[in-house]
Amino acid sequence: MSQPIPNYDLGILITIDISVALATVLIVVIGIWGIMRQNIRSQQIMLEVARIAQRIDARLRRDFPDIGQDLGD
């Protein structure tokens, strides 16, 4: 018959189990936060690129009025 685990060892195992679970939750939260932050930053960059493209389009159409006819607009 096997020996039962002493209370001291069982307490250490439970503490390690809880610590690993909390560390896992922390890592998951940090990962989700990083993904959300990257997504927000990516959207901001896309909006800035769209603004720049609109300014370039307006400038080209002002400097070259016939550009719309050449492009079929």
C-alpha atoms as a PDB file:
ATOM      1  CA  MET A   1       0.000   0.000   0.000  1.00  0.00           C
ATOM      2  CA  SER A   2       1.346   3.452  -0.955  1.00  0.00           C
ATOM      3  CA  GLN A   3       2.038   6.171   1.563  1.00  0.00           C
ATOM      4  CA  PRO A   4      -0.376   9.134   1.623  1.00  0.00           C
ATOM      5  CA  ILE A   5       1.025  12.536   0.649  1.00  0.00           C
ATOM      6  CA  PRO A   6       1.885  14.589   3.745  1.00  0.00           C
ATOM      7  CA  ASN A   7      -0.119  17.782   4.252  1.00  0.00           C
ATOM      8  CA  TYR A   8       2.990  19.922   3.819  1.00  0.00           C
ATOM      9  CA  ASP A   9       3.764  18.468   0.376  1.00  0.00           C
ATOM     10  CA  LEU A  10       0.116  18.680  -0.634  1.00  0.00           C
ATOM     11  CA  GLY A  11       0.039  22.366   0.360  1.00  0.00           C
ATOM     12  CA  ILE A  12       3.113  23.077  -1.764  1.00  0.00           C
ATOM     13  CA  LEU A  13       1.544  21.311  -4.764  1.00  0.00           C
ATOM     14  CA  ILE A  14      -1.694  23.273  -4.387  1.00  0.00           C
ATOM     15  CA  THR A  15       0.271  26.539  -4.115  1.00  0.00           C
ATOM     16  CA  ILE A  16       2.259  25.704  -7.260  1.00  0.00           C
ATOM     17  CA  ASP A  17      -0.950  24.771  -9.088  1.00  0.00           C
ATOM     18  CA  ILE A  18      -2.616  28.068  -8.167  1.00  0.00           C
ATOM     19  CA  SER A  19       0.545  30.001  -9.115  1.00  0.00           C
ATOM     20  CA  VAL A  20       0.713  28.348 -12.538  1.00  0.00           C
ATOM     21  CA  ALA A  21      -2.990  29.032 -13.127  1.00  0.00           C
ATOM     22  CA  LEU A  22      -2.606  32.713 -12.205  1.00  0.00           C
ATOM     23  CA  ALA A  23       0.521  33.046 -14.346  1.00  0.00           C
ATOM     24  CA  THR A  24      -1.356  31.511 -17.281  1.00  0.00           C
ATOM     25  CA  VAL A  25      -4.250  33.927 -16.844  1.00  0.00           C
ATOM     26  CA  LEU A  26      -1.798  36.850 -16.678  1.00  0.00           C
ATOM     27  CA  ILE A  27      -0.025  35.727 -19.857  1.00  0.00           C
ATOM     28  CA  VAL A  28      -3.348  35.344 -21.684  1.00  0.00           C
ATOM     29  CA  VAL A  29      -4.516  38.810 -20.597  1.00  0.00           C
ATOM     30  CA  ILE A  30      -1.214  40.383 -21.688  1.00  0.00           C
ATOM     31  CA  GLY A  31      -1.471  38.579 -25.037  1.00  0.00           C
ATOM     32  CA  ILE A  32      -5.031  39.755 -25.652  1.00  0.00           C
ATOM     33  CA  TRP A  33      -4.078  43.308 -24.659  1.00  0.00           C
ATOM     34  CA  GLY A  34      -1.141  43.228 -27.091  1.00  0.00           C
ATOM     35  CA  ILE A  35      -3.331  41.973 -29.935  1.00  0.00           C
ATOM     36  CA  MET A  36      -5.943  44.663 -29.280  1.00  0.00           C
ATOM     37  CA  ARG A  37      -3.265  47.368 -29.087  1.00  0.00           C
ATOM     38  CA  GLN A  38      -1.729  46.230 -32.367  1.00  0.00           C
ATOM     39  CA  ASN A  39      -5.154  46.193 -34.022  1.00  0.00           C
ATOM     40  CA  ILE A  40      -5.902  49.745 -32.872  1.00  0.00           C
ATOM     41  CA  ARG A  41      -2.480  50.931 -34.068  1.00  0.00           C
ATOM     42  CA  SER A  42      -2.984  49.219 -37.430  1.00  0.00           C
ATOM     43  CA  GLN A  43      -6.332  50.978 -37.885  1.00  0.00           C
ATOM     44  CA  GLN A  44      -4.743  54.333 -37.067  1.00  0.00           C
ATOM     45  CA  ILE A  45      -2.012  53.742 -39.654  1.00  0.00           C
ATOM     46  CA  MET A  46      -4.587  52.746 -42.274  1.00  0.00           C
ATOM     47  CA  LEU A  47      -6.589  55.926 -41.626  1.00  0.00           C
ATOM     48  CA  GLU A  48      -3.452  58.056 -41.947  1.00  0.00           C
ATOM     49  CA  VAL A  49      -2.545  56.364 -45.244  1.00  0.00           C
ATOM     50  CA  ALA A  50      -6.093  56.985 -46.521  1.00  0.00           C
ATOM     51  CA  ARG A  51      -5.827  60.678 -45.581  1.00  0.00           C
ATOM     52  CA  ILE A  52      -2.501  60.988 -47.379  1.00  0.00           C
ATOM     53  CA  ALA A  53      -3.938  59.263 -50.464  1.00  0.00           C
ATOM     54  CA  GLN A  54      -6.889  61.660 -50.483  1.00  0.00           C
ATOM     55  CA  ARG A  55      -4.581  64.678 -50.253  1.00  0.00           C
ATOM     56  CA  ILE A  56      -2.415  63.353 -53.086  1.00  0.00           C
ATOM     57  CA  ASP A  57      -5.523  62.683 -55.186  1.00  0.00           C
ATOM     58  CA  ALA A  58      -6.851  66.208 -54.574  1.00  0.00           C
ATOM     59  CA  ARG A  59      -3.476  67.760 -55.381  1.00  0.00           C
ATOM     60  CA  LEU A  60      -3.110  65.763 -58.607  1.00  0.00           C
ATOM     61  CA  ARG A  61      -6.636  66.626 -59.711  1.00  0.00           C
ATOM     62  CA  ARG A  62      -5.975  70.323 -58.987  1.00  0.00           C
ATOM     63  CA  ASP A  63      -2.621  70.377 -60.792  1.00  0.00           C
ATOM     64  CA  PHE A  64      -3.794  68.193 -63.685  1.00  0.00           C
ATOM     65  CA  PRO A  65      -7.515  68.812 -64.291  1.00  0.00           C
ATOM     66  CA  ASP A  66      -7.690  66.337 -67.165  1.00  0.00           C
ATOM     67  CA  ILE A  67      -6.460  63.447 -65.029  1.00  0.00           C
ATOM     68  CA  GLY A  68     -10.046  62.374 -64.289  1.00  0.00           C
ATOM     69  CA  GLN A  69     -10.752  61.985 -67.998  1.00  0.00           C
ATOM     70  CA  ASP A  70      -7.584  59.949 -68.511  1.00  0.00           C
ATOM     71  CA  LEU A  71      -8.478  57.644 -65.652  1.00  0.00           C
ATOM     72  CA  GLY A  72     -12.084  57.289 -66.743  1.00  0.00           C
ATOM     73  CA  ASP A  73     -13.647  59.089 -63.757  1.00  0.00           C
END
